Amino acid sequence: MKISCFLKDFFLIFLLILILPYINSCSDEANSQEDSHRIYISTDIASGLVGGWRSGPADNDDGFAVELMSSFANTVIEGVAVLRGNDIQPAELFAADQIFVQNPGVWNGPIIPGAIEFLPTPDPVMWTGGKEGDVTLTDICVNDAVVSLSNLLSESSQPITILALGPLTDIACLVLNFPGTLSNIKEIVFLGGRLPDEVLKFSFSDIIFTDFNIAQDVRATQVVLNDSNIPITFISFSLSSSATYTRAQIDSLQDEGCSDRAKTLSRGAQAGMDVFQSDFNLDGLDTFDINAAYYIAKPELFICEDAGFEFVECEIGTPGVANGDNNSCASHGPDQSSGLNSEFEQLWVGPALLGQSRTVRTCTSYINQQELDRFESGTIDVICTGQEWTDLPL
């Protein structure tokens, strides 16, 4: 009897020794998951696509941004939704699949289909309920991405950060149709926003930009800001335009030691760099959206502050014709560039507007030139290797 009990105790001890490392491993993994940023990315990956609604190659920065964010060691990517923005959504889905599914890496999809049309299309009253429209029709915008995000927010034990690199169409649809899930959004980090009266252009060029992600779907931006209390941080134009890659850096991503994803991203950027060379005299590429991904990883490296916001209507007399010298919108006037003709409203964000709206956050620059330089060189190295990272190389 004693021998039997001894063997039983010995067996239990032996079994405990076997499973203890597994228990610790699971505990470590759980703790790691708890400490991680939980990220949902809403983006318009196009990576140099030609065609769709654009006359030239589409932007490339979204693809680079997703690769940088998804390879940061302290993040869990809960989903990447692709919606219309830089190009038509079906073409963007194809581009995203080619980069992130066909080329294995730290993160391998899946890609979730998002909005095919912006909120104001085809009719602003029908599509969103409008100011005096039928509010029961708001669910027309619901798509796979909106449903997946709603389910994620409902089921997650931790708040989710949304990295919004394209128009806010899907997030606005969530606000309109699933308001009960919004309390589980930790923050939206949004690539967009300008200071009051700020003209959006590079320091080395006279070509003026629209605030693209906002101008594409102003109604969606209004819904997110005015109809919800979701915390939101703007990665403003003054910040996102301050860093650029050189052509040599982009070309280096095709070196033998770089990942297949890096090579795909580099090839997709070639036509865009040719446009930047001819239009802006920049022998390289912009980094707009990539700064937003880097902010989530390293927020301490940015100058950010509380701000208010204001929607400013552009005084357009006839379609595409500015209404005199006193147009309220920045850079609008009798001699405005044709690229501004369809911009009928601007969003201004800044500390001077505190008290005029709910409080948001805006980031306007890196903390110093050294950190900006580290971003420009270090992110290229990270994208080349295609491996997890926590710190950028010097």
Protein backbone atom coordinates (compact mmCIF):
# COMPACT_ATOMS: atom_id res chain seq x y z
CA MET A 1 0.00 0.00 0.00
CA LYS A 2 2.82 2.40 0.93
CA ILE A 3 4.68 1.50 -2.26
CA SER A 4 1.56 2.21 -4.29
CA CYS A 5 1.14 5.64 -2.64
CA PHE A 6 4.82 6.38 -3.16
CA LEU A 7 4.55 5.55 -6.88
CA LYS A 8 1.42 7.69 -7.14
CA ASP A 9 3.14 10.67 -5.51
CA PHE A 10 6.22 10.16 -7.65
CA PHE A 11 4.11 10.09 -10.79
CA LEU A 12 2.33 13.34 -9.82
CA ILE A 13 5.64 15.07 -9.11
CA PHE A 14 7.09 13.81 -12.39
CA LEU A 15 4.02 15.02 -14.28
CA LEU A 16 4.26 18.43 -12.62
CA ILE A 17 7.90 18.74 -13.66
CA LEU A 18 6.89 17.98 -17.25
CA ILE A 19 4.07 20.50 -17.50
CA LEU A 20 5.56 23.32 -15.39
CA PRO A 21 7.60 24.82 -18.27
CA TYR A 22 4.48 24.77 -20.44
CA ILE A 23 2.46 26.53 -17.72
CA ASN A 24 5.17 29.18 -17.37
CA SER A 25 5.33 29.56 -21.13
CA CYS A 26 1.59 30.12 -21.34
CA SER A 27 1.78 32.59 -18.46
CA ASP A 28 4.62 34.47 -20.14
CA GLU A 29 2.71 34.54 -23.41
CA ALA A 30 -0.41 35.81 -21.67
CA ASN A 31 1.58 38.52 -19.90
CA SER A 32 3.24 39.43 -23.18
CA GLN A 33 -0.16 39.71 -24.84
CA GLU A 34 -1.40 41.89 -21.96
CA ASP A 35 1.57 44.24 -22.30
CA SER A 36 1.24 44.59 -26.07
CA HIS A 37 -0.46 47.29 -28.07
CA ARG A 38 -3.56 45.76 -29.67
CA ILE A 39 -3.89 47.42 -33.05
CA TYR A 40 -6.51 47.45 -35.78
CA ILE A 41 -5.31 49.13 -38.98
CA SER A 42 -7.68 50.85 -41.40
CA THR A 43 -5.77 51.77 -44.53
CA ASP A 44 -5.78 52.29 -48.30
CA ILE A 45 -2.74 50.29 -49.44
CA ALA A 46 -2.07 50.96 -53.13
CA SER A 47 1.73 50.73 -53.44
CA GLY A 48 2.18 52.39 -56.81
CA LEU A 49 -0.96 51.06 -58.52
CA VAL A 50 -1.65 52.82 -61.81
CA GLY A 51 -5.24 53.23 -62.97
CA GLY A 52 -8.42 53.19 -60.95
CA TRP A 53 -9.48 56.77 -60.30
CA ARG A 54 -5.94 58.20 -60.51
CA SER A 55 -4.08 59.38 -63.57
CA GLY A 56 -0.68 58.44 -62.13
CA PRO A 57 0.80 55.97 -59.65
CA ALA A 58 -0.90 55.74 -56.26
CA ASP A 59 0.87 56.46 -52.98
CA ASN A 60 3.23 53.93 -51.42
CA ASP A 61 3.50 54.98 -47.80
CA ASP A 62 0.59 52.87 -46.48
CA GLY A 63 2.30 49.59 -47.34
CA PHE A 64 5.53 50.68 -45.67
CA ALA A 65 3.56 51.80 -42.60
CA VAL A 66 1.74 48.48 -42.21
CA GLU A 67 5.02 46.57 -42.48
CA LEU A 68 6.69 48.79 -39.87
CA MET A 69 3.75 48.59 -37.45
CA SER A 70 3.14 44.86 -37.83
CA SER A 71 6.79 44.02 -37.19
CA PHE A 72 7.02 46.04 -33.96
CA ALA A 73 7.56 43.44 -31.22
CA ASN A 74 5.16 45.01 -28.72
CA THR A 75 2.09 44.97 -30.94
CA VAL A 76 -0.62 42.48 -31.77
CA ILE A 77 -2.24 43.29 -35.13
CA GLU A 78 -5.89 42.32 -34.77
CA GLY A 79 -6.76 43.09 -38.39
CA VAL A 80 -5.85 45.14 -41.43
CA ALA A 81 -8.84 46.52 -43.32
CA VAL A 82 -8.43 48.03 -46.78
CA LEU A 83 -10.85 50.73 -47.93
CA ARG A 84 -11.11 53.07 -50.90
CA GLY A 85 -8.71 55.99 -50.75
CA ASN A 86 -5.46 56.00 -52.69
CA ASP A 87 -7.17 53.90 -55.36
CA ILE A 88 -10.31 51.86 -55.88
CA GLN A 89 -10.74 49.27 -53.17
CA PRO A 90 -10.58 46.04 -55.28
CA ALA A 91 -7.22 47.09 -56.70
CA GLU A 92 -5.97 47.97 -53.21
CA LEU A 93 -7.03 44.55 -51.94
CA PHE A 94 -4.94 42.98 -54.70
CA ALA A 95 -1.91 45.11 -53.79
CA ALA A 96 -2.25 44.32 -50.09
CA ASP A 97 -2.50 40.59 -50.82
CA GLN A 98 0.62 40.68 -52.99
CA ILE A 99 2.64 42.34 -50.22
CA PHE A 100 1.38 40.78 -47.01
CA VAL A 101 -0.01 37.37 -47.95
CA GLN A 102 2.07 36.24 -50.92
CA ASN A 103 5.30 37.32 -49.14
CA PRO A 104 5.43 35.68 -45.68
CA GLY A 105 6.68 37.86 -42.84
CA VAL A 106 6.09 38.66 -39.18
CA TRP A 107 2.44 39.39 -40.00
CA ASN A 108 0.66 37.45 -42.75
CA GLY A 109 -2.88 38.77 -42.98
CA PRO A 110 -5.69 38.26 -43.45
CA ILE A 111 -6.70 41.39 -45.32
CA ILE A 112 -10.28 42.49 -44.59
CA PRO A 113 -12.37 44.26 -47.27
CA GLY A 114 -13.50 47.73 -46.19
CA ALA A 115 -15.47 50.55 -47.76
CA ILE A 116 -15.86 50.58 -51.53
CA GLU A 117 -17.46 54.04 -51.52
CA PHE A 118 -17.10 57.07 -49.26
CA LEU A 119 -19.94 58.03 -46.92
CA PRO A 120 -21.25 60.94 -49.06
CA THR A 121 -21.64 58.73 -52.15
CA PRO A 122 -23.86 58.20 -54.08
CA ASP A 123 -26.22 60.53 -52.17
CA PRO A 124 -25.35 62.19 -48.89
CA VAL A 125 -28.85 62.02 -47.43
CA MET A 126 -29.50 58.39 -48.32
CA TRP A 127 -25.98 57.22 -47.50
CA THR A 128 -25.59 58.67 -44.02
CA GLY A 129 -28.99 59.90 -42.99
CA GLY A 130 -27.80 63.44 -43.72
CA LYS A 131 -28.80 66.47 -41.68
CA GLU A 132 -32.50 65.89 -42.30
CA GLY A 133 -32.40 62.48 -43.93
CA ASP A 134 -33.70 59.07 -42.96
CA VAL A 135 -31.39 57.98 -40.11
CA THR A 136 -32.56 54.38 -40.50
CA LEU A 137 -30.51 54.16 -43.69
CA THR A 138 -27.10 54.52 -42.03
CA ASP A 139 -26.44 50.78 -42.17
CA ILE A 140 -25.88 50.94 -45.95
CA CYS A 141 -22.20 51.53 -45.21
CA VAL A 142 -21.77 48.33 -43.16
CA ASN A 143 -19.17 46.00 -44.70
CA ASP A 144 -16.84 43.14 -43.65
CA ALA A 145 -14.34 45.50 -42.02
CA VAL A 146 -16.98 47.35 -40.00
CA VAL A 147 -18.50 44.07 -38.78
CA SER A 148 -15.10 42.58 -37.91
CA LEU A 149 -14.11 45.68 -35.96
CA SER A 150 -17.45 45.73 -34.13
CA ASN A 151 -17.03 42.07 -33.15
CA LEU A 152 -13.43 42.65 -32.08
CA LEU A 153 -14.37 45.57 -29.86
CA SER A 154 -17.27 43.63 -28.33
CA GLU A 155 -15.14 40.59 -27.51
CA SER A 156 -11.73 42.02 -26.62
CA SER A 157 -10.69 42.06 -22.97
CA GLN A 158 -8.35 44.98 -23.75
CA PRO A 159 -8.98 48.33 -25.43
CA ILE A 160 -8.03 48.49 -29.12
CA THR A 161 -6.01 51.24 -30.78
CA ILE A 162 -7.08 52.05 -34.35
CA LEU A 163 -4.34 53.16 -36.72
CA ALA A 164 -6.23 55.06 -39.43
CA LEU A 165 -4.04 55.60 -42.49
CA GLY A 166 -6.85 56.29 -44.94
CA PRO A 167 -10.23 58.06 -44.87
CA LEU A 168 -12.33 57.49 -41.74
CA THR A 169 -15.21 55.93 -43.71
CA ASP A 170 -15.33 52.59 -41.88
CA ILE A 171 -14.80 54.16 -38.45
CA ALA A 172 -17.65 56.59 -39.10
CA CYS A 173 -19.87 53.70 -40.14
CA LEU A 174 -19.01 51.99 -36.85
CA VAL A 175 -20.03 55.15 -34.96
CA LEU A 176 -23.33 55.35 -36.82
CA ASN A 177 -24.27 51.68 -36.44
CA PHE A 178 -22.44 50.15 -33.46
CA PRO A 179 -22.15 52.94 -30.85
CA GLY A 180 -22.15 50.42 -28.00
CA THR A 181 -18.69 49.17 -29.02
CA LEU A 182 -16.93 52.55 -29.04
CA SER A 183 -15.96 52.55 -25.35
CA ASN A 184 -13.45 49.76 -26.07
CA ILE A 185 -11.48 51.96 -28.51
CA LYS A 186 -8.40 53.17 -26.67
CA GLU A 187 -7.51 55.75 -29.30
CA ILE A 188 -7.59 56.53 -33.01
CA VAL A 189 -4.21 57.57 -34.43
CA PHE A 190 -5.12 59.35 -37.65
CA LEU A 191 -2.88 60.58 -40.45
CA GLY A 192 -4.38 64.01 -41.10
CA GLY A 193 -4.98 67.48 -39.75
CA ARG A 194 -3.57 70.96 -40.25
CA LEU A 195 -3.00 73.99 -38.04
CA PRO A 196 -5.38 76.93 -38.63
CA ASP A 197 -4.59 78.65 -41.95
CA GLU A 198 -1.75 76.19 -42.66
CA VAL A 199 -0.85 75.71 -46.34
CA LEU A 200 0.09 72.09 -47.00
CA LYS A 201 3.29 71.92 -49.04
CA PHE A 202 6.83 70.66 -48.75
CA SER A 203 9.43 73.23 -47.76
CA PHE A 204 11.25 72.62 -51.05
CA SER A 205 8.23 72.87 -53.40
CA ASP A 206 5.41 75.28 -54.27
CA ILE A 207 2.92 72.50 -55.06
CA ILE A 208 0.03 72.55 -52.56
CA PHE A 209 -1.64 69.41 -51.19
CA THR A 210 -5.13 68.79 -49.92
CA ASP A 211 -5.45 67.13 -46.52
CA PHE A 212 -6.04 63.93 -48.44
CA ASN A 213 -7.58 61.54 -45.89
CA ILE A 214 -9.98 64.26 -44.74
CA ALA A 215 -10.80 65.71 -48.16
CA GLN A 216 -11.65 62.25 -49.48
CA ASP A 217 -14.45 61.78 -46.95
CA VAL A 218 -15.20 64.94 -44.97
CA ARG A 219 -18.53 63.55 -43.80
CA ALA A 220 -16.80 60.55 -42.18
CA THR A 221 -14.39 62.85 -40.33
CA GLN A 222 -17.32 64.94 -39.09
CA VAL A 223 -19.13 61.86 -37.80
CA VAL A 224 -16.10 60.55 -35.88
CA LEU A 225 -15.32 63.94 -34.32
CA ASN A 226 -18.82 65.31 -33.71
CA ASP A 227 -20.87 62.18 -33.06
CA SER A 228 -18.45 60.29 -30.80
CA ASN A 229 -16.07 60.85 -27.91
CA ILE A 230 -13.40 58.45 -29.17
CA PRO A 231 -9.95 59.78 -28.18
CA ILE A 232 -8.11 60.77 -31.36
CA THR A 233 -4.53 61.84 -32.07
CA PHE A 234 -3.79 63.62 -35.34
CA ILE A 235 -0.44 63.03 -37.02
CA SER A 236 -0.44 66.41 -38.72
CA PHE A 237 0.98 67.43 -42.08
CA SER A 238 3.76 69.47 -40.46
CA LEU A 239 5.02 66.27 -38.85
CA SER A 240 4.35 63.73 -41.59
CA SER A 241 5.90 65.89 -44.33
CA SER A 242 9.09 66.58 -42.35
CA ALA A 243 10.72 63.25 -43.20
CA THR A 244 11.51 61.75 -46.60
CA TYR A 245 13.39 58.73 -47.93
CA THR A 246 16.10 59.08 -50.57
CA ARG A 247 15.95 57.08 -53.79
CA ALA A 248 19.12 55.29 -52.69
CA GLN A 249 17.36 54.15 -49.51
CA ILE A 250 14.33 52.81 -51.40
CA ASP A 251 16.57 51.12 -53.96
CA SER A 252 18.59 49.49 -51.16
CA LEU A 253 15.48 47.49 -50.21
CA GLN A 254 16.10 45.37 -53.31
CA ASP A 255 19.49 44.20 -52.00
CA GLU A 256 19.99 40.47 -51.63
CA GLY A 257 19.84 40.61 -47.83
CA CYS A 258 16.40 42.26 -47.73
CA SER A 259 13.11 40.40 -47.40
CA ASP A 260 10.81 39.66 -50.32
CA ARG A 261 8.32 42.13 -48.84
CA ALA A 262 10.93 44.86 -48.83
CA LYS A 263 11.76 44.13 -52.46
CA THR A 264 8.06 44.25 -53.40
CA LEU A 265 7.61 47.57 -51.60
CA SER A 266 10.68 48.99 -53.33
CA ARG A 267 9.52 47.94 -56.79
CA GLY A 268 6.09 49.46 -56.16
CA ALA A 269 7.68 52.78 -55.19
CA GLN A 270 9.71 53.32 -58.35
CA ALA A 271 7.00 55.04 -60.43
CA GLY A 272 6.04 57.22 -57.47
CA MET A 273 9.64 58.35 -57.05
CA ASP A 274 9.75 59.32 -60.72
CA VAL A 275 6.71 61.56 -60.13
CA PHE A 276 8.28 63.12 -57.05
CA GLN A 277 11.43 63.79 -59.05
CA SER A 278 9.57 65.53 -61.86
CA ASP A 279 6.94 67.37 -59.79
CA PHE A 280 8.76 68.17 -56.54
CA ASN A 281 12.43 67.85 -57.47
CA LEU A 282 12.67 65.23 -54.72
CA ASP A 283 14.91 62.29 -55.52
CA GLY A 284 13.12 59.97 -53.14
CA LEU A 285 9.76 59.31 -51.49
CA ASP A 286 7.44 60.79 -48.86
CA THR A 287 6.91 59.03 -45.52
CA PHE A 288 3.49 60.40 -44.54
CA ASP A 289 1.68 57.34 -43.10
CA ILE A 290 4.85 55.71 -41.82
CA ASN A 291 5.19 58.44 -39.20
CA ALA A 292 1.79 57.49 -37.77
CA ALA A 293 2.85 53.85 -37.33
CA TYR A 294 6.11 54.98 -35.71
CA TYR A 295 4.17 57.22 -33.30
CA ILE A 296 2.27 54.21 -31.92
CA ALA A 297 5.55 52.40 -31.35
CA LYS A 298 7.48 55.38 -29.93
CA PRO A 299 5.09 58.16 -28.79
CA GLU A 300 7.74 59.69 -26.53
CA LEU A 301 9.70 60.82 -29.60
CA PHE A 302 7.03 63.29 -30.76
CA ILE A 303 5.87 66.75 -29.71
CA CYS A 304 2.12 66.47 -29.16
CA GLU A 305 -0.41 68.62 -27.32
CA ASP A 306 -4.09 69.01 -26.59
CA ALA A 307 -6.06 70.82 -29.27
CA GLY A 308 -9.50 71.80 -30.44
CA PHE A 309 -10.81 71.58 -33.99
CA GLU A 310 -12.96 73.48 -36.47
CA PHE A 311 -14.48 72.57 -39.84
CA VAL A 312 -14.04 75.50 -42.22
CA GLU A 313 -16.20 75.74 -45.34
CA CYS A 314 -14.43 76.81 -48.52
CA GLU A 315 -16.31 79.59 -50.29
CA ILE A 316 -16.66 78.28 -53.81
CA GLY A 317 -18.75 80.33 -56.22
CA THR A 318 -19.04 77.91 -59.12
CA PRO A 319 -17.56 74.39 -59.22
CA GLY A 320 -13.79 74.66 -59.22
CA VAL A 321 -13.71 78.47 -59.10
CA ALA A 322 -12.57 80.19 -55.90
CA ASN A 323 -14.85 82.94 -54.65
CA GLY A 324 -12.51 85.93 -54.49
CA ASP A 325 -9.56 86.81 -52.29
CA ASN A 326 -11.33 86.33 -48.97
CA ASN A 327 -11.84 82.57 -49.16
CA SER A 328 -11.78 81.12 -45.64
CA CYS A 329 -9.85 77.97 -46.59
CA ALA A 330 -6.07 77.95 -46.46
CA SER A 331 -4.41 78.27 -49.90
CA HIS A 332 -7.77 78.85 -51.66
CA GLY A 333 -8.27 81.94 -53.79
CA PRO A 334 -8.52 83.15 -57.39
CA ASP A 335 -5.21 81.53 -58.31
CA GLN A 336 -5.62 78.26 -56.44
CA SER A 337 -4.21 75.10 -57.99
CA SER A 338 -6.62 72.74 -59.72
CA GLY A 339 -5.90 70.11 -57.06
CA LEU A 340 -7.87 72.21 -54.58
CA ASN A 341 -10.96 72.65 -56.76
CA SER A 342 -12.83 69.74 -55.19
CA GLU A 343 -11.91 70.66 -51.60
CA PHE A 344 -15.08 72.17 -50.18
CA GLU A 345 -14.21 71.95 -46.49
CA GLN A 346 -11.06 71.87 -44.36
CA LEU A 347 -10.42 70.59 -40.84
CA TRP A 348 -8.24 72.83 -38.70
CA VAL A 349 -6.71 71.35 -35.53
CA GLY A 350 -4.64 73.25 -32.98
CA PRO A 351 -4.23 74.48 -29.39
CA ALA A 352 -5.67 77.87 -30.36
CA LEU A 353 -9.02 76.14 -30.93
CA LEU A 354 -9.24 74.61 -27.44
CA GLY A 355 -12.68 75.19 -26.01
CA GLN A 356 -14.38 75.43 -29.42
CA SER A 357 -14.88 71.66 -29.61
CA ARG A 358 -14.15 68.53 -27.66
CA THR A 359 -10.44 68.10 -26.89
CA VAL A 360 -8.25 66.01 -29.19
CA ARG A 361 -4.48 65.58 -29.53
CA THR A 362 -2.23 66.73 -32.35
CA CYS A 363 1.41 65.86 -33.03
CA THR A 364 3.38 68.44 -34.98
CA SER A 365 7.05 67.37 -34.98
CA TYR A 366 9.75 65.03 -33.72
CA ILE A 367 11.36 66.03 -30.43
CA ASN A 368 14.64 66.86 -32.21
CA GLN A 369 16.51 66.46 -35.49
CA GLN A 370 18.42 63.44 -34.23
CA GLU A 371 15.24 61.43 -33.77
CA LEU A 372 13.92 62.51 -37.16
CA ASP A 373 17.20 61.33 -38.74
CA ARG A 374 16.97 58.06 -36.83
CA PHE A 375 13.46 57.54 -38.19
CA GLU A 376 14.55 58.17 -41.80
CA SER A 377 17.46 55.73 -41.67
CA GLY A 378 16.33 53.24 -39.04
CA THR A 379 12.92 52.41 -40.49
CA ILE A 380 14.56 51.51 -43.80
CA ASP A 381 16.79 49.01 -41.99
CA VAL A 382 13.79 47.51 -40.18
CA ILE A 383 11.76 47.17 -43.39
CA CYS A 384 14.73 45.58 -45.13
CA THR A 385 15.22 42.82 -42.56
CA GLY A 386 11.51 42.04 -42.18
CA GLN A 387 12.10 41.00 -38.57
CA GLU A 388 10.61 42.06 -35.25
CA TRP A 389 12.03 45.24 -33.76
CA THR A 390 11.80 47.35 -30.65
CA ASP A 391 14.46 50.00 -31.25
CA LEU A 392 15.71 51.54 -34.45
CA PRO A 393 19.44 51.33 -35.22
CA LEU A 394 21.47 54.51 -34.85
